[in-house]
Amino acid sequence: MDFKQEIKLSNLIPKGFAPKKKQPRVDERHHLMPKELVGLKIDSATLSAAQIVNNGDKRLVKLARAPLASGIVSAGEVRNPEALAGALNEFFAKNSLPRRGVRLGLGNSRILVRVTEIPAIADPSQLDNAIRFRAFEMISASPDEAVIDYRVVGSATDSEGNPVTRVLLVATYRDSIDRYLAATDAASLDLAGIDLEAFALLRAAREPAPPGHELETSALVAISVERERTTLAISDGEICHFARVLEWGEANIEGAVSQGLRIPPAEAATAWREAFSPASEDTPAEPSEPSPLAHIVSQQLQTLSREIQKSLRFYQSEQASPLQVDQVFFAGSLADVPGVVEKLQGDLRFGLTVIDPFARLRLDPGTPRLEPASDLSVAIGLGIED
């Protein structure tokens, strides 16, 4: 696909998505996807990549991670395409990463992923128009501003007994994609596709269910906390029913600590991690009031918990038959901080399982397991093709 000429979201949809006319059939599209992919995740502070060969098993060839200067990318949006192009060029050259077969992750708060219901329409073109009209309503954008794709996932009846078509909608703003493409083009990267980071996170969390399986009764929920944003994805084991990017990240903790204790941000970044770690089992802490630092961090994590709970309630309110949430897969920069998972479990009142991003992979001899590993989950998921 020539991304300069035609931007579509067909490559954003997980395996099984039925593309529309002028697109290859699903089985053809997956034959066209190269067996070797470089999953590329661009965060506001970090570039990370995973080179994976998908040939039966998933073989990890190379991992790379490097800091990204502040201000180039913010909250999943490119602010300076020229600077990002330079950083990508240096990153790929320094780590000897292939520039072909790159699958780029996309994740920001302006992306819409929803399963919605449309009145059943027999004529395919009329159904297409109705779905797109609904999508533009939901994203509040004109056809020139947005990129829309969808999948019909089933049929049902509404509360009044009328037949409806259930549709998975994916929509984003064209300008957001264009700025990423300007940077990757300038860095001479040949993109095999653009994928939602939410989908990649689900792939890293667990192997997809086989065709014809009985659908889950409990939701597969995956959450990744990053520098400036948190990605939440909900699946039934086959289809992503809901995804949201929250504008909350580790930077919120650092900012609150810096402001509350009147210390430089760099000092706050180190201080909160050390102070929030639980006491060792050998030297149990005496019961006492939490320190001002621990109190600030606890308040920030409670904010994250409330935002997650609001998103889960929103998902359940929009679904005719919402799946029960009783287990969440967790990844990102906070997953490796001692005490954070325990605190979030207490606030959310359900279990958190930290994703092992290497669980689905076979490592090439000599390929290092970069640590901390949890923030590599999305990059690895982008490199996996099921």
Protein backbone atom coordinates (compact mmCIF):
# COMPACT_ATOMS: atom_id res chain seq x y z
CA MET A 1 0.00 0.00 0.00
CA ASP A 2 1.21 3.48 -0.83
CA PHE A 3 0.54 5.33 2.41
CA LYS A 4 1.13 8.68 0.67
CA GLN A 5 -1.69 8.07 -1.77
CA GLU A 6 -4.27 6.27 0.34
CA ILE A 7 -4.49 5.98 4.10
CA LYS A 8 -6.70 3.15 5.37
CA LEU A 9 -7.04 1.43 8.70
CA SER A 10 -7.25 -2.11 7.31
CA ASN A 11 -3.90 -2.99 8.87
CA LEU A 12 -5.15 -1.73 12.24
CA ILE A 13 -7.71 -4.51 12.50
CA PRO A 14 -6.74 -7.82 14.12
CA LYS A 15 -6.70 -11.11 12.27
CA GLY A 16 -10.09 -11.96 10.87
CA PHE A 17 -11.07 -8.45 9.84
CA ALA A 18 -13.01 -8.45 6.60
CA PRO A 19 -11.69 -5.61 4.41
CA LYS A 20 -13.93 -3.89 1.93
CA LYS A 21 -13.57 -3.65 -1.84
CA LYS A 22 -10.25 -2.53 -3.30
CA GLN A 23 -8.52 -4.28 -0.39
CA PRO A 24 -7.05 -7.80 -0.50
CA ARG A 25 -9.13 -10.55 1.08
CA VAL A 26 -8.16 -11.34 4.65
CA ASP A 27 -6.15 -14.44 3.74
CA GLU A 28 -4.40 -12.56 0.92
CA ARG A 29 -3.58 -9.63 3.20
CA HIS A 30 -1.87 -11.91 5.67
CA HIS A 31 0.16 -13.57 2.94
CA LEU A 32 1.28 -10.06 1.92
CA MET A 33 2.40 -9.20 5.45
CA PRO A 34 6.13 -10.03 5.69
CA LYS A 35 7.11 -12.87 7.99
CA GLU A 36 9.76 -10.67 9.58
CA LEU A 37 8.43 -7.53 11.25
CA VAL A 38 10.02 -4.73 13.20
CA GLY A 39 7.51 -3.52 15.78
CA LEU A 40 8.16 0.17 16.39
CA LYS A 41 6.73 1.97 19.41
CA ILE A 42 7.23 5.71 19.75
CA ASP A 43 6.57 7.14 23.20
CA SER A 44 7.13 10.70 24.36
CA ALA A 45 10.39 9.72 26.08
CA THR A 46 11.45 6.45 24.43
CA LEU A 47 11.87 4.66 21.11
CA SER A 48 11.59 0.88 21.30
CA ALA A 49 11.67 -1.80 18.63
CA ALA A 50 11.36 -5.59 18.40
CA GLN A 51 12.49 -7.52 15.33
CA ILE A 52 10.47 -10.76 15.17
CA VAL A 53 10.31 -13.58 12.64
CA ASN A 54 6.77 -14.97 12.42
CA ASN A 55 7.22 -18.38 10.84
CA GLY A 56 5.24 -20.90 12.86
CA ASP A 57 6.66 -19.77 16.18
CA LYS A 58 7.59 -16.19 17.08
CA ARG A 59 11.37 -15.77 17.05
CA LEU A 60 12.81 -12.65 18.62
CA VAL A 61 15.86 -11.55 16.67
CA LYS A 62 16.61 -8.17 18.19
CA LEU A 63 15.39 -5.71 20.81
CA ALA A 64 16.33 -2.07 21.00
CA ARG A 65 15.42 0.86 23.20
CA ALA A 66 16.67 4.46 23.28
CA PRO A 67 15.61 7.75 24.89
CA LEU A 68 13.75 10.33 22.83
CA ALA A 69 14.25 14.03 23.45
CA SER A 70 11.41 15.87 25.14
CA GLY A 71 8.89 17.74 23.00
CA ILE A 72 9.20 15.67 19.81
CA VAL A 73 6.20 13.47 20.64
CA SER A 74 3.58 14.27 23.24
CA ALA A 75 0.62 12.14 24.35
CA GLY A 76 0.96 9.93 21.28
CA GLU A 77 0.98 12.84 18.80
CA VAL A 78 4.00 13.95 16.76
CA ARG A 79 4.87 17.60 17.45
CA ASN A 80 8.10 17.78 15.43
CA PRO A 81 8.21 15.37 12.45
CA GLU A 82 11.68 16.54 11.35
CA ALA A 83 13.23 15.89 14.77
CA LEU A 84 11.47 12.52 14.99
CA ALA A 85 12.83 11.56 11.56
CA GLY A 86 16.37 12.33 12.74
CA ALA A 87 15.90 10.34 15.94
CA LEU A 88 14.48 7.36 14.02
CA ASN A 89 17.30 7.45 11.50
CA GLU A 90 19.90 7.39 14.28
CA PHE A 91 18.00 4.71 16.23
CA PHE A 92 17.73 2.30 13.28
CA ALA A 93 21.35 2.88 12.21
CA LYS A 94 22.84 2.49 15.68
CA ASN A 95 20.93 -0.74 16.36
CA SER A 96 21.30 -2.19 12.82
CA LEU A 97 17.54 -2.60 12.51
CA PRO A 98 15.98 -3.42 9.12
CA ARG A 99 14.15 -0.47 7.57
CA ARG A 100 11.73 -2.70 5.69
CA GLY A 101 8.80 -4.52 7.25
CA VAL A 102 8.29 -1.93 9.99
CA ARG A 103 4.93 -1.94 11.76
CA LEU A 104 4.29 1.35 13.53
CA GLY A 105 2.15 1.67 16.63
CA LEU A 106 -0.49 4.36 16.95
CA GLY A 107 -2.07 5.38 20.24
CA ASN A 108 -3.65 8.64 21.34
CA SER A 109 -6.83 9.91 22.93
CA ARG A 110 -8.35 10.82 19.54
CA ILE A 111 -8.63 7.20 18.38
CA LEU A 112 -12.06 5.58 18.52
CA VAL A 113 -12.51 1.81 18.96
CA ARG A 114 -16.07 0.70 19.65
CA VAL A 115 -18.48 -2.13 18.99
CA THR A 116 -21.78 -0.48 18.11
CA GLU A 117 -25.17 -1.49 16.69
CA ILE A 118 -26.66 -0.27 13.40
CA PRO A 119 -30.22 -0.99 12.20
CA ALA A 120 -30.00 -4.02 9.90
CA ILE A 121 -29.80 -3.00 6.23
CA ALA A 122 -29.74 -5.60 3.45
CA ASP A 123 -28.08 -3.43 0.80
CA PRO A 124 -24.27 -3.46 1.42
CA SER A 125 -23.68 0.07 0.10
CA GLN A 126 -26.46 1.51 2.24
CA LEU A 127 -25.12 -0.35 5.27
CA ASP A 128 -21.65 1.04 4.53
CA ASN A 129 -23.06 4.59 4.40
CA ALA A 130 -24.97 4.09 7.65
CA ILE A 131 -21.91 2.76 9.46
CA ARG A 132 -19.71 5.60 8.23
CA PHE A 133 -22.32 8.17 9.20
CA ARG A 134 -22.41 6.69 12.71
CA ALA A 135 -18.60 6.74 12.88
CA PHE A 136 -18.34 10.39 11.86
CA GLU A 137 -20.98 11.23 14.47
CA MET A 138 -19.03 9.41 17.18
CA ILE A 139 -15.66 10.93 16.32
CA SER A 140 -17.11 14.41 15.59
CA ALA A 141 -15.09 14.86 12.40
CA SER A 142 -15.72 15.44 8.70
CA PRO A 143 -14.87 12.80 6.06
CA ASP A 144 -11.81 14.87 5.09
CA GLU A 145 -10.50 14.90 8.65
CA ALA A 146 -10.96 11.27 9.68
CA VAL A 147 -9.97 7.79 8.57
CA ILE A 148 -12.64 5.14 9.18
CA ASP A 149 -12.65 1.36 8.95
CA TYR A 150 -14.98 -1.25 10.37
CA ARG A 151 -15.87 -4.90 10.65
CA VAL A 152 -19.31 -6.46 10.86
CA VAL A 153 -19.01 -8.80 13.83
CA GLY A 154 -22.53 -10.21 14.08
CA SER A 155 -26.24 -9.57 14.28
CA ALA A 156 -28.71 -9.21 17.14
CA THR A 157 -32.01 -7.61 18.10
CA ASP A 158 -32.44 -4.40 20.03
CA SER A 159 -34.63 -3.86 23.11
CA GLU A 160 -37.68 -3.49 20.89
CA GLY A 161 -37.00 -6.68 18.96
CA ASN A 162 -35.74 -4.98 15.80
CA PRO A 163 -32.81 -6.62 13.94
CA VAL A 164 -29.47 -4.82 14.23
CA THR A 165 -25.97 -5.31 12.83
CA ARG A 166 -23.10 -5.29 15.33
CA VAL A 167 -20.06 -3.45 14.01
CA LEU A 168 -16.50 -2.92 15.24
CA LEU A 169 -15.56 0.66 14.38
CA VAL A 170 -12.02 2.02 14.23
CA ALA A 171 -11.49 5.70 13.50
CA THR A 172 -8.74 8.26 13.90
CA TYR A 173 -7.77 11.67 12.60
CA ARG A 174 -5.87 11.86 9.32
CA ASP A 175 -3.50 14.61 10.47
CA SER A 176 -2.21 12.41 13.30
CA ILE A 177 -1.26 9.65 10.84
CA ASP A 178 0.19 12.12 8.33
CA ARG A 179 2.72 13.49 10.84
CA TYR A 180 3.95 10.00 11.67
CA LEU A 181 4.25 9.16 7.98
CA ALA A 182 6.20 12.35 7.32
CA ALA A 183 8.74 11.26 9.93
CA THR A 184 9.01 7.63 8.85
CA ASP A 185 9.29 8.60 5.17
CA ALA A 186 12.11 11.04 5.96
CA ALA A 187 13.87 8.28 7.93
CA SER A 188 13.54 5.90 4.91
CA LEU A 189 11.41 3.41 6.82
CA ASP A 190 9.28 1.11 4.66
CA LEU A 191 6.09 0.53 6.66
CA ALA A 192 4.41 -2.86 6.42
CA GLY A 193 1.47 -1.45 8.33
CA ILE A 194 0.14 0.83 11.05
CA ASP A 195 -1.37 -0.92 14.04
CA LEU A 196 -3.20 0.28 17.11
CA GLU A 197 -1.03 -0.02 20.21
CA ALA A 198 -4.12 -1.37 21.98
CA PHE A 199 -4.23 -4.35 19.59
CA ALA A 200 -0.49 -4.93 20.01
CA LEU A 201 -0.89 -4.90 23.79
CA LEU A 202 -3.57 -7.59 23.59
CA ARG A 203 -1.31 -9.75 21.38
CA ALA A 204 1.53 -9.43 23.88
CA ALA A 205 -0.75 -10.27 26.79
CA ARG A 206 -2.03 -13.58 25.47
CA GLU A 207 -2.12 -15.82 22.44
CA PRO A 208 -5.37 -15.34 20.49
CA ALA A 209 -8.10 -17.94 20.70
CA PRO A 210 -8.24 -20.45 17.81
CA PRO A 211 -10.96 -20.12 15.14
CA GLY A 212 -14.29 -21.64 16.13
CA HIS A 213 -13.56 -21.48 19.85
CA GLU A 214 -16.21 -20.71 22.43
CA LEU A 215 -16.03 -17.02 23.27
CA GLU A 216 -14.82 -15.94 26.70
CA THR A 217 -17.33 -15.16 29.43
CA SER A 218 -14.82 -12.83 31.11
CA ALA A 219 -13.18 -9.92 29.36
CA LEU A 220 -9.51 -9.92 28.47
CA VAL A 221 -8.42 -6.49 29.71
CA ALA A 222 -4.92 -5.14 29.13
CA ILE A 223 -3.54 -1.85 30.47
CA SER A 224 -0.20 -0.22 29.76
CA VAL A 225 0.96 2.89 31.63
CA GLU A 226 3.56 4.98 29.84
CA ARG A 227 5.20 8.36 30.22
CA GLU A 228 2.20 10.56 29.38
CA ARG A 229 -0.65 8.18 28.61
CA THR A 230 -2.32 4.94 29.59
CA THR A 231 -3.69 2.48 27.03
CA LEU A 232 -6.66 0.29 27.95
CA ALA A 233 -7.99 -2.48 25.69
CA ILE A 234 -10.88 -4.91 26.22
CA SER A 235 -11.31 -8.07 24.16
CA ASP A 236 -13.41 -11.23 24.18
CA GLY A 237 -10.31 -13.20 23.21
CA GLU A 238 -10.94 -12.66 19.50
CA ILE A 239 -12.14 -9.10 18.87
CA CYS A 240 -11.14 -5.88 20.62
CA HIS A 241 -14.50 -4.51 21.78
CA PHE A 242 -13.22 -1.29 23.31
CA ALA A 243 -10.01 0.72 23.57
CA ARG A 244 -9.22 4.05 25.15
CA VAL A 245 -6.08 6.12 25.67
CA LEU A 246 -6.12 8.07 28.93
CA GLU A 247 -4.06 11.23 29.19
CA TRP A 248 -2.38 10.08 32.40
CA GLY A 249 1.10 8.64 32.78
CA GLU A 250 4.15 8.40 34.99
CA ALA A 251 4.84 12.08 34.30
CA ASN A 252 1.74 12.92 36.38
CA ILE A 253 3.34 11.32 39.44
CA GLU A 254 6.64 13.11 38.86
CA GLY A 255 4.93 16.45 38.36
CA ALA A 256 2.84 16.10 41.52
CA VAL A 257 5.88 15.07 43.59
CA SER A 258 7.98 17.90 42.16
CA GLN A 259 5.29 20.46 42.91
CA GLY A 260 4.27 19.05 46.29
CA LEU A 261 7.79 18.70 47.68
CA ARG A 262 9.27 21.60 45.72
CA ILE A 263 12.08 19.54 44.24
CA PRO A 264 13.40 19.40 40.65
CA PRO A 265 11.52 17.00 38.29
CA ALA A 266 14.63 14.85 37.79
CA GLU A 267 14.92 14.37 41.54
CA ALA A 268 11.20 13.64 41.82
CA ALA A 269 11.50 10.90 39.19
CA THR A 270 13.96 8.99 41.37
CA ALA A 271 12.54 9.90 44.77
CA TRP A 272 9.01 8.56 44.29
CA ARG A 273 10.18 5.16 43.05
CA GLU A 274 12.48 4.67 46.03
CA ALA A 275 10.04 5.95 48.65
CA PHE A 276 7.05 4.03 47.35
CA SER A 277 8.80 0.64 47.37
CA PRO A 278 7.50 -1.54 50.23
CA ALA A 279 9.72 -2.42 53.16
CA SER A 280 11.66 -5.68 52.84
CA GLU A 281 10.40 -8.79 54.60
CA ASP A 282 13.55 -8.85 56.75
CA THR A 283 12.84 -5.40 58.15
CA PRO A 284 9.07 -4.94 58.35
CA ALA A 285 8.02 -1.33 58.70
CA GLU A 286 6.35 -0.16 61.90
CA PRO A 287 2.75 1.05 61.37
CA SER A 288 2.91 4.79 60.84
CA GLU A 289 1.38 7.63 58.90
CA PRO A 290 2.50 7.63 55.25
CA SER A 291 5.19 10.15 54.39
CA PRO A 292 4.19 13.23 52.38
CA LEU A 293 5.89 11.68 49.35
CA ALA A 294 4.06 8.36 49.70
CA HIS A 295 0.78 10.24 50.19
CA ILE A 296 1.27 12.19 46.94
CA VAL A 297 2.08 9.05 44.98
CA SER A 298 -0.88 7.20 46.49
CA GLN A 299 -3.22 10.02 45.47
CA GLN A 300 -1.92 9.93 41.90
CA LEU A 301 -2.38 6.16 41.65
CA GLN A 302 -5.91 6.55 43.00
CA THR A 303 -6.54 9.01 40.14
CA LEU A 304 -5.37 6.38 37.66
CA SER A 305 -7.60 3.75 39.30
CA ARG A 306 -10.63 6.04 39.07
CA GLU A 307 -9.98 6.72 35.37
CA ILE A 308 -9.66 3.00 34.68
CA GLN A 309 -12.87 2.26 36.57
CA LYS A 310 -14.70 5.03 34.67
CA SER A 311 -13.54 3.52 31.37
CA LEU A 312 -14.67 0.05 32.39
CA ARG A 313 -18.07 1.37 33.47
CA PHE A 314 -18.40 3.25 30.17
CA TYR A 315 -17.61 0.05 28.25
CA GLN A 316 -20.17 -1.93 30.23
CA SER A 317 -22.85 0.75 29.82
CA GLU A 318 -22.44 0.69 26.02
CA GLN A 319 -22.63 -3.08 25.61
CA ALA A 320 -25.86 -5.04 25.41
CA SER A 321 -24.09 -8.01 27.04
CA PRO A 322 -20.88 -6.71 28.60
CA LEU A 323 -18.27 -9.22 29.65
CA GLN A 324 -17.37 -9.47 33.32
CA VAL A 325 -14.03 -7.95 34.34
CA ASP A 326 -12.19 -9.90 37.02
CA GLN A 327 -8.58 -10.02 35.77
CA VAL A 328 -6.38 -7.39 34.15
CA PHE A 329 -3.05 -7.72 32.37
CA PHE A 330 -0.70 -4.87 33.25
CA ALA A 331 2.33 -3.46 31.44
CA GLY A 332 4.36 -0.29 31.01
CA SER A 333 6.79 1.74 33.06
CA LEU A 334 4.92 1.37 36.36
CA ALA A 335 4.68 -2.43 36.19
CA ASP A 336 8.28 -2.85 37.34
CA VAL A 337 8.03 -0.47 40.33
CA PRO A 338 7.66 -2.48 43.57
CA GLY A 339 4.45 -1.69 45.39
CA VAL A 340 2.57 -0.14 42.47
CA VAL A 341 0.79 -3.32 41.35
CA GLU A 342 -0.26 -4.06 44.93
CA LYS A 343 -1.58 -0.51 45.38
CA LEU A 344 -3.57 -0.60 42.12
CA GLN A 345 -5.00 -4.04 42.95
CA GLY A 346 -6.30 -2.67 46.23
CA ASP A 347 -7.86 0.37 44.59
CA LEU A 348 -9.34 -1.48 41.61
CA ARG A 349 -10.42 -4.56 43.61
CA PHE A 350 -9.45 -7.12 40.99
CA GLY A 351 -6.27 -8.98 40.19
CA LEU A 352 -3.44 -7.54 38.11
CA THR A 353 -1.10 -9.85 36.19
CA VAL A 354 2.08 -8.23 34.91
CA ILE A 355 2.59 -9.14 31.26
CA ASP A 356 5.68 -11.15 30.43
CA PRO A 357 6.42 -9.79 26.92
CA PHE A 358 8.73 -12.73 26.20
CA ALA A 359 6.15 -15.42 27.00
CA ARG A 360 5.10 -15.89 23.36
CA LEU A 361 8.62 -15.65 21.93
CA ARG A 362 11.59 -17.86 21.23
CA LEU A 363 14.77 -15.84 21.71
CA ASP A 364 17.63 -16.12 19.24
CA PRO A 365 20.90 -17.17 20.92
CA GLY A 366 22.64 -14.03 22.09
CA THR A 367 19.51 -11.86 22.03
CA PRO A 368 19.48 -10.02 25.36
CA ARG A 369 16.34 -9.71 27.47
CA LEU A 370 16.35 -5.97 28.03
CA GLU A 371 15.30 -5.02 31.54
CA PRO A 372 13.00 -3.62 32.72
CA ALA A 373 10.96 -5.58 30.23
CA SER A 374 7.32 -4.67 30.80
CA ASP A 375 7.51 -1.41 28.85
CA LEU A 376 8.55 -3.44 25.77
CA SER A 377 5.18 -5.22 25.61
CA VAL A 378 3.67 -2.97 22.92
CA ALA A 379 6.78 -3.02 20.71
CA ILE A 380 6.84 -6.82 20.90
CA GLY A 381 3.09 -7.03 20.22
CA LEU A 382 3.61 -4.85 17.14
CA GLY A 383 6.18 -7.33 15.86
CA ILE A 384 3.91 -10.35 16.37
CA GLU A 385 1.72 -11.45 13.45
CA ASP A 386 -0.74 -14.20 14.40
